[in-house]
C-alpha cells in the first residue's frame, strides 16, 4: 500500500494540499484532525473538560465514532449523527488540540489510523503522522508557513464557511495556543520526522506545493525499482 504522510502546524495548508494530492493520485485522503475534533465534540456534549485525562480516557474507549466517505468526501459520524460541519467551530478546534495531549486519546486514534492505512492507499495529514502514526510511510512531508500566513488562511476558511463573531487576532491566538499544545505534549508531539521533506508554503500556491510533493513521490517510487 502507498501512504503519504503530511504533517505540520495548524494553518500550514495540510488539508488543502492533501485533498489535492488525493484527487491527483486517485487515493483516499484521511483527515486525522477530524477524528480528534469528533472526540472533542463528544467531550463538549458531555460537559467534560477537554483536559480531563480520566474522563476522556473513558470517552475514547467507548466512543461511537465512524468515518464514512460520501461522494468522495470524508464525513464524521458521532452517535450515528453526521457532525462534519459541527466539528469545525473555534471551540471544537481548541478542544481538539487539548484532547490530543491525552495519551490514551492519541493511542486510540493512531490505532484506528494505522488500521485504515493497512487497507487503503492513503494520503494522511496531521501533526504526528510521519513521526508516530506511520513511521514507514512511503513519503513524508512537513509543511510550514509563518504564523501570520497561517492565521490569514484559517481566518479566510472560517469566513467562507459562514463563521461570524471572530477576528483575525482571535484566530492567531488560537493557532499560537494549538502550536504550543501540539509541540509540548508528552506523547507524539508535533515534530518533523528525520526523513521528512520540509516545504515552506508561505509564498507558494497550492498547485506549487502539490507539484513538489508529486515530484518527490515519483522519485521515491522510482527508488524502489
N, C-alpha and C. Protein backbone atom coordinates (compact mmCIF):
# COMPACT_ATOMS: atom_id res chain seq x y z
N UNK A 1 0.82 -1.20 0.00
CA UNK A 1 0.00 0.00 0.00
C UNK A 1 0.87 1.27 0.00
N UNK A 2 0.41 2.28 -0.70
CA UNK A 2 1.10 3.57 -0.73
C UNK A 2 0.54 4.47 0.37
N UNK A 3 1.43 5.13 1.11
CA UNK A 3 0.97 6.07 2.13
C UNK A 3 1.83 7.34 2.06
N UNK A 4 1.14 8.48 2.06
CA UNK A 4 1.81 9.77 2.08
C UNK A 4 1.43 10.46 3.38
N UNK A 5 2.42 10.78 4.20
CA UNK A 5 2.18 11.44 5.48
C UNK A 5 2.52 12.92 5.34
N UNK A 6 1.53 13.78 5.65
CA UNK A 6 1.73 15.22 5.59
C UNK A 6 1.51 15.80 6.97
N UNK A 7 2.57 16.34 7.56
CA UNK A 7 2.49 16.92 8.89
C UNK A 7 2.80 18.41 8.84
N UNK A 8 2.53 19.07 9.96
CA UNK A 8 2.82 20.49 10.07
C UNK A 8 1.87 21.16 11.03
N UNK A 9 2.16 22.40 11.40
CA UNK A 9 1.31 23.12 12.35
C UNK A 9 -0.01 23.56 11.73
N UNK A 10 -0.92 24.03 12.58
CA UNK A 10 -2.23 24.50 12.13
C UNK A 10 -2.08 25.61 11.10
N UNK A 11 -2.84 25.51 10.01
CA UNK A 11 -2.85 26.57 9.01
C UNK A 11 -1.72 26.51 8.00
N UNK A 12 -0.92 25.45 8.02
CA UNK A 12 0.20 25.35 7.08
C UNK A 12 -0.26 24.92 5.69
N UNK A 13 -1.53 24.52 5.58
CA UNK A 13 -2.07 24.13 4.28
C UNK A 13 -2.20 22.63 4.09
N UNK A 14 -2.10 21.88 5.19
CA UNK A 14 -2.09 20.42 5.10
C UNK A 14 -3.36 19.85 4.45
N UNK A 15 -4.51 20.28 4.93
CA UNK A 15 -5.77 19.71 4.43
C UNK A 15 -5.97 20.02 2.95
N UNK A 16 -5.76 21.27 2.57
CA UNK A 16 -5.95 21.68 1.18
C UNK A 16 -5.02 20.90 0.26
N UNK A 17 -3.76 20.80 0.66
CA UNK A 17 -2.78 20.08 -0.15
C UNK A 17 -3.09 18.59 -0.20
N UNK A 18 -3.44 18.01 0.94
CA UNK A 18 -3.75 16.57 0.98
C UNK A 18 -4.94 16.23 0.09
N UNK A 19 -5.95 17.09 0.09
CA UNK A 19 -7.12 16.86 -0.77
C UNK A 19 -6.72 16.89 -2.24
N UNK A 20 -5.86 17.85 -2.59
CA UNK A 20 -5.41 17.97 -3.98
C UNK A 20 -4.57 16.77 -4.40
N UNK A 21 -3.72 16.30 -3.50
CA UNK A 21 -2.90 15.12 -3.77
C UNK A 21 -3.80 13.90 -3.97
N UNK A 22 -4.79 13.77 -3.10
CA UNK A 22 -5.74 12.66 -3.18
C UNK A 22 -6.43 12.62 -4.54
N UNK A 23 -6.87 13.79 -4.98
CA UNK A 23 -7.58 13.88 -6.26
C UNK A 23 -6.64 13.55 -7.42
N UNK A 24 -5.43 14.08 -7.36
CA UNK A 24 -4.48 13.91 -8.46
C UNK A 24 -4.00 12.47 -8.58
N UNK A 25 -3.79 11.80 -7.45
CA UNK A 25 -3.27 10.43 -7.47
C UNK A 25 -4.37 9.37 -7.39
N UNK A 26 -5.60 9.81 -7.11
CA UNK A 26 -6.70 8.85 -7.01
C UNK A 26 -6.61 7.96 -5.80
N UNK A 27 -6.08 8.51 -4.69
CA UNK A 27 -6.02 7.75 -3.45
C UNK A 27 -6.86 8.45 -2.38
N UNK A 28 -7.15 7.76 -1.31
CA UNK A 28 -8.03 8.30 -0.27
C UNK A 28 -7.30 9.32 0.59
N UNK A 29 -7.99 10.41 0.88
CA UNK A 29 -7.48 11.41 1.82
C UNK A 29 -8.15 11.18 3.17
N UNK A 30 -7.35 10.99 4.21
CA UNK A 30 -7.90 10.83 5.56
C UNK A 30 -7.50 12.04 6.40
N UNK A 31 -8.49 12.80 6.83
CA UNK A 31 -8.27 13.95 7.70
C UNK A 31 -8.28 13.46 9.14
N UNK A 32 -7.08 13.26 9.69
CA UNK A 32 -6.99 12.74 11.06
C UNK A 32 -7.44 13.76 12.09
N UNK A 33 -7.28 15.04 11.76
CA UNK A 33 -7.70 16.08 12.69
C UNK A 33 -9.19 16.01 12.97
N UNK A 34 -9.97 15.58 11.97
CA UNK A 34 -11.42 15.46 12.14
C UNK A 34 -11.75 14.43 13.21
N UNK A 35 -10.88 13.45 13.36
CA UNK A 35 -11.11 12.42 14.37
C UNK A 35 -10.95 13.01 15.77
N UNK A 36 -9.90 13.82 15.97
CA UNK A 36 -9.71 14.47 17.27
C UNK A 36 -10.81 15.49 17.54
N UNK A 37 -11.25 16.15 16.49
CA UNK A 37 -12.35 17.11 16.64
C UNK A 37 -13.63 16.40 17.08
N UNK A 38 -13.84 15.20 16.58
CA UNK A 38 -15.04 14.45 16.95
C UNK A 38 -14.98 14.03 18.41
N UNK A 39 -13.80 13.65 18.88
CA UNK A 39 -13.63 13.34 20.31
C UNK A 39 -13.90 14.59 21.15
N UNK A 40 -13.39 15.73 20.68
CA UNK A 40 -13.60 16.99 21.41
C UNK A 40 -15.08 17.35 21.46
N UNK A 41 -15.79 17.14 20.35
CA UNK A 41 -17.22 17.44 20.33
C UNK A 41 -17.97 16.54 21.31
N UNK A 42 -17.57 15.28 21.39
CA UNK A 42 -18.19 14.36 22.35
C UNK A 42 -17.98 14.85 23.78
N UNK A 43 -16.77 15.33 24.07
CA UNK A 43 -16.48 15.86 25.40
C UNK A 43 -17.34 17.08 25.70
N UNK A 44 -17.49 17.96 24.73
CA UNK A 44 -18.32 19.15 24.90
C UNK A 44 -19.77 18.76 25.17
N UNK A 45 -20.27 17.80 24.41
CA UNK A 45 -21.65 17.35 24.57
C UNK A 45 -21.90 16.76 25.95
N UNK A 46 -20.85 16.14 26.52
CA UNK A 46 -21.00 15.50 27.83
C UNK A 46 -20.48 16.38 28.97
N UNK A 47 -20.19 17.65 28.63
CA UNK A 47 -19.70 18.62 29.63
C UNK A 47 -18.44 18.13 30.35
N UNK A 48 -17.56 17.51 29.57
CA UNK A 48 -16.29 17.02 30.10
C UNK A 48 -15.19 17.98 29.69
N UNK A 49 -14.38 18.38 30.65
CA UNK A 49 -13.24 19.25 30.36
C UNK A 49 -12.32 18.55 29.37
N UNK A 50 -11.90 19.27 28.33
CA UNK A 50 -11.09 18.65 27.28
C UNK A 50 -9.67 18.31 27.72
N UNK A 51 -9.33 18.60 28.98
CA UNK A 51 -8.02 18.22 29.52
C UNK A 51 -8.16 17.22 30.68
N UNK A 52 -9.37 16.70 30.88
CA UNK A 52 -9.62 15.74 31.95
C UNK A 52 -9.24 14.34 31.46
N UNK A 53 -8.03 13.92 31.81
CA UNK A 53 -7.49 12.66 31.27
C UNK A 53 -8.35 11.45 31.61
N UNK A 54 -8.77 11.35 32.85
CA UNK A 54 -9.53 10.17 33.27
C UNK A 54 -10.85 10.05 32.50
N UNK A 55 -11.59 11.15 32.43
CA UNK A 55 -12.89 11.09 31.76
C UNK A 55 -12.74 10.92 30.25
N UNK A 56 -11.72 11.56 29.68
CA UNK A 56 -11.51 11.41 28.24
C UNK A 56 -11.05 10.01 27.87
N UNK A 57 -10.28 9.39 28.77
CA UNK A 57 -9.87 8.00 28.54
C UNK A 57 -11.09 7.10 28.43
N UNK A 58 -12.06 7.35 29.28
CA UNK A 58 -13.30 6.56 29.24
C UNK A 58 -14.12 6.88 28.00
N UNK A 59 -14.16 8.15 27.63
CA UNK A 59 -14.92 8.54 26.44
C UNK A 59 -14.37 7.84 25.20
N UNK A 60 -13.05 7.87 25.05
CA UNK A 60 -12.46 7.34 23.82
C UNK A 60 -12.53 5.82 23.75
N UNK A 61 -12.63 5.17 24.93
CA UNK A 61 -12.78 3.70 24.95
C UNK A 61 -14.08 3.28 24.32
N UNK A 62 -15.11 4.07 24.56
CA UNK A 62 -16.47 3.67 24.16
C UNK A 62 -17.09 4.57 23.10
N UNK A 63 -16.31 5.45 22.50
CA UNK A 63 -16.90 6.42 21.59
C UNK A 63 -17.48 5.74 20.35
N UNK A 64 -18.66 6.18 19.97
CA UNK A 64 -19.32 5.66 18.77
C UNK A 64 -19.00 6.64 17.63
N UNK A 65 -17.82 6.47 17.06
CA UNK A 65 -17.34 7.35 16.01
C UNK A 65 -17.13 6.54 14.74
N UNK A 66 -17.58 7.09 13.62
CA UNK A 66 -17.45 6.38 12.35
C UNK A 66 -17.02 7.35 11.26
N UNK A 67 -16.13 6.87 10.40
CA UNK A 67 -15.71 7.65 9.23
C UNK A 67 -16.42 7.07 8.01
N UNK A 68 -17.13 7.92 7.29
CA UNK A 68 -17.78 7.48 6.06
C UNK A 68 -17.36 8.40 4.92
N UNK A 69 -17.24 7.84 3.74
CA UNK A 69 -16.92 8.64 2.56
C UNK A 69 -18.17 8.75 1.70
N UNK A 70 -18.68 9.97 1.58
CA UNK A 70 -19.90 10.25 0.83
C UNK A 70 -19.54 11.17 -0.32
N UNK A 71 -19.77 10.71 -1.55
CA UNK A 71 -19.37 11.48 -2.74
C UNK A 71 -17.89 11.85 -2.66
N UNK A 72 -17.09 10.88 -2.23
CA UNK A 72 -15.63 11.04 -2.11
C UNK A 72 -15.21 12.09 -1.07
N UNK A 73 -16.12 12.46 -0.19
CA UNK A 73 -15.81 13.42 0.88
C UNK A 73 -15.90 12.72 2.23
N UNK A 74 -14.93 12.98 3.10
CA UNK A 74 -14.93 12.37 4.43
C UNK A 74 -15.99 13.02 5.31
N UNK A 75 -16.82 12.18 5.90
CA UNK A 75 -17.82 12.65 6.86
C UNK A 75 -17.57 11.95 8.19
N UNK A 76 -17.70 12.70 9.28
CA UNK A 76 -17.54 12.14 10.61
C UNK A 76 -18.92 11.97 11.25
N UNK A 77 -19.14 10.78 11.78
CA UNK A 77 -20.40 10.49 12.46
C UNK A 77 -20.11 10.23 13.93
N UNK A 78 -20.91 10.86 14.78
CA UNK A 78 -20.80 10.68 16.22
C UNK A 78 -22.16 10.26 16.73
N UNK A 79 -22.23 9.09 17.35
CA UNK A 79 -23.51 8.55 17.83
C UNK A 79 -24.55 8.56 16.70
N UNK A 80 -24.09 8.12 15.52
CA UNK A 80 -24.93 7.99 14.32
C UNK A 80 -25.42 9.32 13.74
N UNK A 81 -24.83 10.43 14.18
CA UNK A 81 -25.18 11.75 13.64
C UNK A 81 -24.00 12.28 12.82
N UNK A 82 -24.29 12.82 11.65
CA UNK A 82 -23.26 13.42 10.83
C UNK A 82 -22.86 14.76 11.45
N UNK A 83 -21.64 14.83 11.98
CA UNK A 83 -21.18 16.04 12.68
C UNK A 83 -20.07 16.75 11.90
N UNK A 84 -19.99 16.47 10.61
CA UNK A 84 -18.92 17.00 9.78
C UNK A 84 -18.80 18.52 9.87
N UNK A 85 -19.93 19.21 9.89
CA UNK A 85 -19.90 20.68 9.99
C UNK A 85 -19.75 21.13 11.45
N UNK A 86 -20.34 20.41 12.36
CA UNK A 86 -20.32 20.82 13.77
C UNK A 86 -18.93 20.79 14.39
N UNK A 87 -18.02 20.00 13.81
CA UNK A 87 -16.68 19.90 14.41
C UNK A 87 -15.74 20.99 13.90
N UNK A 88 -16.25 21.95 13.12
CA UNK A 88 -15.38 22.98 12.53
C UNK A 88 -15.49 24.33 13.23
N UNK A 89 -15.99 24.36 14.45
CA UNK A 89 -16.09 25.62 15.18
C UNK A 89 -14.79 25.91 15.93
N UNK A 90 -14.53 27.19 16.25
CA UNK A 90 -13.33 27.52 17.04
C UNK A 90 -13.28 26.80 18.38
N UNK A 91 -14.44 26.63 19.02
CA UNK A 91 -14.48 25.93 20.31
C UNK A 91 -13.99 24.49 20.17
N UNK A 92 -14.43 23.83 19.11
CA UNK A 92 -14.01 22.45 18.89
C UNK A 92 -12.53 22.40 18.50
N UNK A 93 -12.05 23.41 17.78
CA UNK A 93 -10.63 23.46 17.40
C UNK A 93 -9.74 23.43 18.64
N UNK A 94 -10.06 24.27 19.61
CA UNK A 94 -9.29 24.30 20.86
C UNK A 94 -9.44 22.97 21.60
N UNK A 95 -10.66 22.46 21.64
CA UNK A 95 -10.90 21.18 22.31
C UNK A 95 -10.11 20.05 21.68
N UNK A 96 -10.02 20.07 20.35
CA UNK A 96 -9.28 19.02 19.64
C UNK A 96 -7.80 19.07 19.99
N UNK A 97 -7.25 20.28 20.09
CA UNK A 97 -5.85 20.43 20.48
C UNK A 97 -5.63 19.91 21.89
N UNK A 98 -6.60 20.18 22.77
CA UNK A 98 -6.49 19.72 24.16
C UNK A 98 -6.59 18.20 24.27
N UNK A 99 -7.60 17.61 23.65
CA UNK A 99 -7.76 16.15 23.77
C UNK A 99 -6.58 15.43 23.13
N UNK A 100 -5.93 16.10 22.15
CA UNK A 100 -4.78 15.49 21.50
C UNK A 100 -3.57 15.36 22.41
N UNK A 101 -3.60 16.05 23.55
CA UNK A 101 -2.49 15.92 24.51
C UNK A 101 -2.69 14.74 25.44
N UNK A 102 -3.86 14.12 25.41
CA UNK A 102 -4.16 12.99 26.28
C UNK A 102 -3.61 11.70 25.64
N UNK A 103 -2.64 11.04 26.27
CA UNK A 103 -2.02 9.86 25.65
C UNK A 103 -3.02 8.79 25.21
N UNK A 104 -4.01 8.52 26.04
CA UNK A 104 -4.98 7.47 25.70
C UNK A 104 -5.77 7.82 24.43
N UNK A 105 -6.03 9.10 24.25
CA UNK A 105 -6.75 9.54 23.04
C UNK A 105 -5.84 9.36 21.82
N UNK A 106 -4.60 9.80 21.94
CA UNK A 106 -3.69 9.70 20.79
C UNK A 106 -3.44 8.24 20.40
N UNK A 107 -3.29 7.38 21.39
CA UNK A 107 -3.03 5.97 21.10
C UNK A 107 -4.21 5.33 20.40
N UNK A 108 -5.42 5.67 20.83
CA UNK A 108 -6.61 5.12 20.20
C UNK A 108 -6.76 5.62 18.77
N UNK A 109 -6.56 6.91 18.55
CA UNK A 109 -6.69 7.47 17.20
C UNK A 109 -5.61 6.91 16.29
N UNK A 110 -4.38 6.79 16.80
CA UNK A 110 -3.29 6.24 16.00
C UNK A 110 -3.58 4.80 15.58
N UNK A 111 -4.16 4.03 16.50
CA UNK A 111 -4.53 2.65 16.20
C UNK A 111 -5.52 2.60 15.04
N UNK A 112 -6.53 3.45 15.08
CA UNK A 112 -7.54 3.49 14.02
C UNK A 112 -6.94 3.94 12.70
N UNK A 113 -6.04 4.92 12.77
CA UNK A 113 -5.41 5.44 11.56
C UNK A 113 -4.49 4.41 10.90
N UNK A 114 -3.75 3.66 11.71
CA UNK A 114 -2.88 2.62 11.16
C UNK A 114 -3.70 1.52 10.49
N UNK A 115 -4.80 1.13 11.11
CA UNK A 115 -5.66 0.10 10.52
C UNK A 115 -6.20 0.56 9.17
N UNK A 116 -6.53 1.85 9.09
CA UNK A 116 -7.05 2.40 7.84
C UNK A 116 -5.97 2.33 6.75
N UNK A 117 -4.74 2.72 7.10
CA UNK A 117 -3.65 2.74 6.13
C UNK A 117 -3.25 1.33 5.67
N UNK A 118 -3.53 0.33 6.48
CA UNK A 118 -3.22 -1.05 6.11
C UNK A 118 -4.12 -1.54 4.98
N UNK A 119 -5.29 -0.91 4.85
CA UNK A 119 -6.30 -1.38 3.89
C UNK A 119 -6.44 -0.49 2.66
N UNK A 120 -5.87 0.72 2.71
CA UNK A 120 -6.09 1.67 1.62
C UNK A 120 -4.79 2.39 1.24
N UNK A 121 -4.67 2.74 -0.03
CA UNK A 121 -3.68 3.72 -0.44
C UNK A 121 -4.19 5.06 0.08
N UNK A 122 -3.35 5.78 0.81
CA UNK A 122 -3.88 6.93 1.54
C UNK A 122 -2.89 8.08 1.62
N UNK A 123 -3.43 9.30 1.59
CA UNK A 123 -2.66 10.47 1.98
C UNK A 123 -3.28 10.92 3.29
N UNK A 124 -2.46 10.99 4.33
CA UNK A 124 -2.94 11.24 5.67
C UNK A 124 -2.24 12.49 6.21
N UNK A 125 -3.00 13.41 6.77
CA UNK A 125 -2.37 14.62 7.31
C UNK A 125 -2.72 14.81 8.77
N UNK A 126 -1.78 15.42 9.48
CA UNK A 126 -1.99 15.65 10.90
C UNK A 126 -0.78 16.33 11.52
N UNK A 127 -0.47 15.96 12.75
CA UNK A 127 0.67 16.53 13.46
C UNK A 127 1.79 15.51 13.68
N UNK A 128 1.40 14.22 13.71
CA UNK A 128 2.37 13.19 14.09
C UNK A 128 2.30 11.97 13.17
N UNK A 129 1.88 12.18 11.93
CA UNK A 129 1.69 11.03 11.04
C UNK A 129 3.03 10.38 10.67
N UNK A 130 3.94 11.18 10.16
CA UNK A 130 5.23 10.62 9.75
C UNK A 130 6.12 10.22 10.90
N UNK A 131 5.98 10.91 12.03
CA UNK A 131 6.86 10.64 13.17
C UNK A 131 6.34 9.54 14.10
N UNK A 132 5.03 9.30 14.08
CA UNK A 132 4.46 8.36 15.07
C UNK A 132 3.44 7.39 14.47
N UNK A 133 2.47 7.90 13.75
CA UNK A 133 1.39 7.03 13.25
C UNK A 133 1.89 6.10 12.15
N UNK A 134 2.55 6.66 11.14
CA UNK A 134 3.03 5.87 10.01
C UNK A 134 4.54 6.09 9.82
N UNK A 135 5.35 5.55 10.72
CA UNK A 135 6.79 5.77 10.63
C UNK A 135 7.42 5.19 9.38
N UNK A 136 6.71 4.26 8.71
CA UNK A 136 7.22 3.66 7.48
C UNK A 136 6.45 4.13 6.25
N UNK A 137 5.89 5.31 6.32
CA UNK A 137 5.13 5.86 5.19
C UNK A 137 6.01 5.93 3.94
N UNK A 138 5.39 5.76 2.78
CA UNK A 138 6.11 5.81 1.51
C UNK A 138 6.82 7.15 1.34
N UNK A 139 6.12 8.23 1.70
CA UNK A 139 6.69 9.57 1.58
C UNK A 139 6.21 10.40 2.77
N UNK A 140 7.14 11.16 3.36
CA UNK A 140 6.80 12.04 4.48
C UNK A 140 7.08 13.49 4.10
N UNK A 141 6.07 14.33 4.35
CA UNK A 141 6.18 15.76 4.03
C UNK A 141 5.90 16.55 5.30
N UNK A 142 6.65 17.63 5.51
CA UNK A 142 6.40 18.52 6.63
C UNK A 142 6.20 19.93 6.08
N UNK A 143 4.98 20.45 6.21
CA UNK A 143 4.65 21.78 5.69
C UNK A 143 4.80 22.84 6.78
N UNK A 144 5.36 23.98 6.44
CA UNK A 144 5.48 25.08 7.37
C UNK A 144 5.03 26.37 6.69
N UNK A 145 4.76 27.39 7.49
CA UNK A 145 4.43 28.73 6.99
C UNK A 145 4.53 29.67 8.17
N UNK A 146 4.61 30.96 7.92
CA UNK A 146 4.67 31.92 9.01
C UNK A 146 3.36 31.92 9.78
N UNK A 147 3.43 32.35 11.03
CA UNK A 147 2.23 32.43 11.86
C UNK A 147 1.19 33.34 11.22
N UNK A 148 1.64 34.48 10.69
CA UNK A 148 0.72 35.44 10.07
C UNK A 148 -0.01 34.81 8.88
N UNK A 149 0.72 34.10 8.05
CA UNK A 149 0.12 33.47 6.88
C UNK A 149 -0.85 32.37 7.29
N UNK A 150 -0.49 31.62 8.29
CA UNK A 150 -1.36 30.53 8.75
C UNK A 150 -2.66 31.08 9.33
N UNK A 151 -2.55 32.18 10.10
CA UNK A 151 -3.75 32.81 10.66
C UNK A 151 -4.63 33.38 9.55
N UNK A 152 -4.01 33.97 8.56
CA UNK A 152 -4.76 34.53 7.42
C UNK A 152 -5.54 33.44 6.69
N UNK A 153 -4.89 32.31 6.46
CA UNK A 153 -5.55 31.20 5.78
C UNK A 153 -6.71 30.65 6.58
N UNK A 154 -6.49 30.46 7.88
CA UNK A 154 -7.54 29.89 8.72
C UNK A 154 -8.72 30.86 8.85
N UNK A 155 -8.42 32.14 8.98
CA UNK A 155 -9.48 33.16 9.08
C UNK A 155 -10.34 33.16 7.81
N UNK A 156 -9.69 33.13 6.66
CA UNK A 156 -10.40 33.12 5.39
C UNK A 156 -11.29 31.88 5.28
N UNK A 157 -10.76 30.75 5.71
CA UNK A 157 -11.51 29.50 5.68
C UNK A 157 -12.76 29.58 6.55
N UNK A 158 -12.62 30.15 7.74
CA UNK A 158 -13.76 30.28 8.65
C UNK A 158 -14.82 31.23 8.09
N UNK A 159 -14.38 32.34 7.53
CA UNK A 159 -15.31 33.32 6.95
C UNK A 159 -16.07 32.70 5.79
N UNK A 160 -15.37 31.93 4.95
CA UNK A 160 -16.02 31.29 3.80
C UNK A 160 -17.06 30.27 4.24
N UNK A 161 -16.87 29.72 5.45
CA UNK A 161 -17.84 28.74 5.97
C UNK A 161 -18.96 29.42 6.75
N UNK A 162 -18.93 30.75 6.78
CA UNK A 162 -20.02 31.48 7.44
C UNK A 162 -19.84 31.74 8.90
N UNK A 163 -18.65 31.50 9.43
CA UNK A 163 -18.39 31.76 10.85
C UNK A 163 -18.40 33.26 11.10
N UNK A 164 -19.09 33.68 12.15
CA UNK A 164 -19.18 35.11 12.48
C UNK A 164 -18.66 35.35 13.90
N UNK A 165 -18.42 36.62 14.22
CA UNK A 165 -18.01 36.97 15.58
C UNK A 165 -16.60 36.58 15.93
N UNK A 166 -15.74 36.43 14.92
CA UNK A 166 -14.35 36.06 15.18
C UNK A 166 -13.43 36.99 14.39
N UNK A 167 -12.34 37.39 14.99
CA UNK A 167 -11.40 38.30 14.34
C UNK A 167 -10.11 37.57 13.97
N UNK A 168 -9.31 38.22 13.16
CA UNK A 168 -8.02 37.66 12.79
C UNK A 168 -7.16 37.42 14.02
N UNK A 169 -7.23 38.36 14.99
CA UNK A 169 -6.44 38.21 16.22
C UNK A 169 -6.90 37.01 17.02
N UNK A 170 -8.22 36.75 17.03
CA UNK A 170 -8.75 35.56 17.71
C UNK A 170 -8.14 34.29 17.10
N UNK A 171 -8.14 34.26 15.78
CA UNK A 171 -7.60 33.09 15.06
C UNK A 171 -6.12 32.93 15.35
N UNK A 172 -5.40 34.04 15.36
CA UNK A 172 -3.96 33.99 15.61
C UNK A 172 -3.67 33.45 17.00
N UNK A 173 -4.46 33.91 18.00
CA UNK A 173 -4.27 33.41 19.37
C UNK A 173 -4.57 31.92 19.46
N UNK A 174 -5.63 31.49 18.76
CA UNK A 174 -5.99 30.07 18.77
C UNK A 174 -4.85 29.22 18.17
N UNK A 175 -4.27 29.70 17.08
CA UNK A 175 -3.19 28.96 16.43
C UNK A 175 -1.96 28.90 17.33
N UNK A 176 -1.65 30.01 17.98
CA UNK A 176 -0.50 30.03 18.90
C UNK A 176 -0.71 29.04 20.04
N UNK A 177 -1.95 28.99 20.54
CA UNK A 177 -2.28 28.05 21.62
C UNK A 177 -2.12 26.61 21.13
N UNK A 178 -2.61 26.34 19.93
CA UNK A 178 -2.52 24.99 19.39
C UNK A 178 -1.07 24.61 19.10
N UNK A 179 -0.29 25.55 18.59
CA UNK A 179 1.13 25.29 18.35
C UNK A 179 1.83 24.84 19.63
N UNK A 180 1.55 25.57 20.72
CA UNK A 180 2.18 25.25 21.99
C UNK A 180 1.74 23.87 22.48
N UNK A 181 0.44 23.60 22.40
CA UNK A 181 -0.08 22.30 22.81
C UNK A 181 0.53 21.17 21.98
N UNK A 182 0.52 21.37 20.66
CA UNK A 182 0.97 20.31 19.75
C UNK A 182 2.45 20.00 19.92
N UNK A 183 3.24 21.02 20.20
CA UNK A 183 4.69 20.84 20.28
C UNK A 183 5.19 20.36 21.64
N UNK A 184 4.36 20.57 22.68
CA UNK A 184 4.84 20.26 24.04
C UNK A 184 4.21 19.03 24.66
N UNK A 185 3.26 18.38 23.97
CA UNK A 185 2.64 17.20 24.59
C UNK A 185 3.67 16.09 24.76
N UNK A 186 3.43 15.24 25.73
CA UNK A 186 4.40 14.20 26.08
C UNK A 186 4.46 13.08 25.05
N UNK A 187 3.31 12.71 24.48
CA UNK A 187 3.26 11.61 23.52
C UNK A 187 3.08 12.14 22.11
N UNK A 188 3.97 11.77 21.22
CA UNK A 188 3.89 12.11 19.80
C UNK A 188 3.68 13.61 19.55
N UNK A 189 4.60 14.43 20.00
CA UNK A 189 4.47 15.86 19.77
C UNK A 189 4.65 16.21 18.29
N UNK A 190 4.27 17.42 17.95
CA UNK A 190 4.47 17.91 16.59
C UNK A 190 5.97 18.11 16.35
N UNK A 191 6.54 17.24 15.52
CA UNK A 191 7.95 17.38 15.14
C UNK A 191 8.09 16.95 13.69
N UNK A 192 9.16 17.38 13.07
CA UNK A 192 9.47 16.96 11.71
C UNK A 192 10.22 15.64 11.79
N UNK A 193 9.69 14.61 11.16
CA UNK A 193 10.38 13.33 11.14
C UNK A 193 11.73 13.52 10.44
N UNK A 194 12.78 12.81 10.91
CA UNK A 194 14.11 12.98 10.33
C UNK A 194 14.16 12.79 8.82
N UNK A 195 13.33 11.89 8.29
CA UNK A 195 13.36 11.61 6.84
C UNK A 195 12.24 12.33 6.09
N UNK A 196 11.60 13.32 6.72
CA UNK A 196 10.55 14.08 6.05
C UNK A 196 11.14 15.20 5.20
N UNK A 197 10.47 15.52 4.12
CA UNK A 197 10.87 16.62 3.25
C UNK A 197 10.10 17.86 3.68
N UNK A 198 10.81 18.92 4.06
CA UNK A 198 10.16 20.14 4.53
C UNK A 198 9.87 21.08 3.36
N UNK A 199 8.64 21.60 3.33
CA UNK A 199 8.24 22.56 2.30
C UNK A 199 7.66 23.79 2.97
N UNK A 200 8.28 24.93 2.73
CA UNK A 200 7.82 26.22 3.28
C UNK A 200 6.76 26.78 2.32
N UNK A 201 5.52 26.89 2.80
CA UNK A 201 4.40 27.19 1.90
C UNK A 201 3.95 28.65 1.89
N UNK A 202 4.60 29.50 2.70
CA UNK A 202 4.13 30.88 2.84
C UNK A 202 3.92 31.57 1.50
N UNK A 203 4.87 31.44 0.60
CA UNK A 203 4.80 32.15 -0.68
C UNK A 203 4.55 31.23 -1.86
N UNK A 204 4.02 30.03 -1.58
CA UNK A 204 3.73 29.09 -2.65
C UNK A 204 2.23 28.92 -2.83
N UNK A 205 1.81 28.67 -4.06
CA UNK A 205 0.41 28.34 -4.31
C UNK A 205 0.19 26.87 -3.96
N UNK A 206 -1.08 26.48 -3.84
CA UNK A 206 -1.40 25.08 -3.57
C UNK A 206 -0.83 24.21 -4.68
N UNK A 207 -0.98 24.67 -5.93
CA UNK A 207 -0.50 23.89 -7.08
C UNK A 207 1.01 23.67 -7.01
N UNK A 208 1.73 24.70 -6.59
CA UNK A 208 3.19 24.58 -6.50
C UNK A 208 3.60 23.56 -5.43
N UNK A 209 2.89 23.58 -4.30
CA UNK A 209 3.18 22.63 -3.22
C UNK A 209 2.86 21.21 -3.69
N UNK A 210 1.71 21.05 -4.34
CA UNK A 210 1.30 19.74 -4.84
C UNK A 210 2.32 19.20 -5.84
N UNK A 211 2.78 20.06 -6.74
CA UNK A 211 3.76 19.63 -7.75
C UNK A 211 5.05 19.14 -7.09
N UNK A 212 5.48 19.83 -6.03
CA UNK A 212 6.69 19.42 -5.32
C UNK A 212 6.50 18.03 -4.70
N UNK A 213 5.33 17.81 -4.12
CA UNK A 213 5.07 16.52 -3.46
C UNK A 213 4.96 15.40 -4.49
N UNK A 214 4.27 15.67 -5.59
CA UNK A 214 4.14 14.66 -6.65
C UNK A 214 5.51 14.29 -7.20
N UNK A 215 6.35 15.29 -7.39
CA UNK A 215 7.72 15.03 -7.89
C UNK A 215 8.48 14.14 -6.92
N UNK A 216 8.43 14.50 -5.63
CA UNK A 216 9.14 13.70 -4.63
C UNK A 216 8.56 12.30 -4.52
N UNK A 217 7.25 12.17 -4.73
CA UNK A 217 6.61 10.86 -4.69
C UNK A 217 7.12 9.99 -5.85
N UNK A 218 7.22 10.58 -7.04
CA UNK A 218 7.71 9.84 -8.21
C UNK A 218 9.15 9.40 -8.00
N UNK A 219 9.96 10.28 -7.38
CA UNK A 219 11.35 9.93 -7.10
C UNK A 219 11.43 8.80 -6.08
N UNK A 220 10.55 8.86 -5.10
CA UNK A 220 10.54 7.84 -4.06
C UNK A 220 10.17 6.48 -4.63
N UNK A 221 9.14 6.45 -5.46
CA UNK A 221 8.69 5.19 -6.07
C UNK A 221 9.76 4.64 -7.00
N UNK A 222 10.41 5.55 -7.74
CA UNK A 222 11.47 5.11 -8.66
C UNK A 222 12.62 4.46 -7.90
N UNK A 223 12.87 4.92 -6.68
CA UNK A 223 13.97 4.36 -5.90
C UNK A 223 13.70 2.95 -5.44
N UNK A 224 12.41 2.55 -5.45
CA UNK A 224 12.05 1.19 -5.04
C UNK A 224 12.32 0.17 -6.16
N UNK A 225 12.41 0.67 -7.40
CA UNK A 225 12.50 -0.23 -8.55
C UNK A 225 13.93 -0.70 -8.77
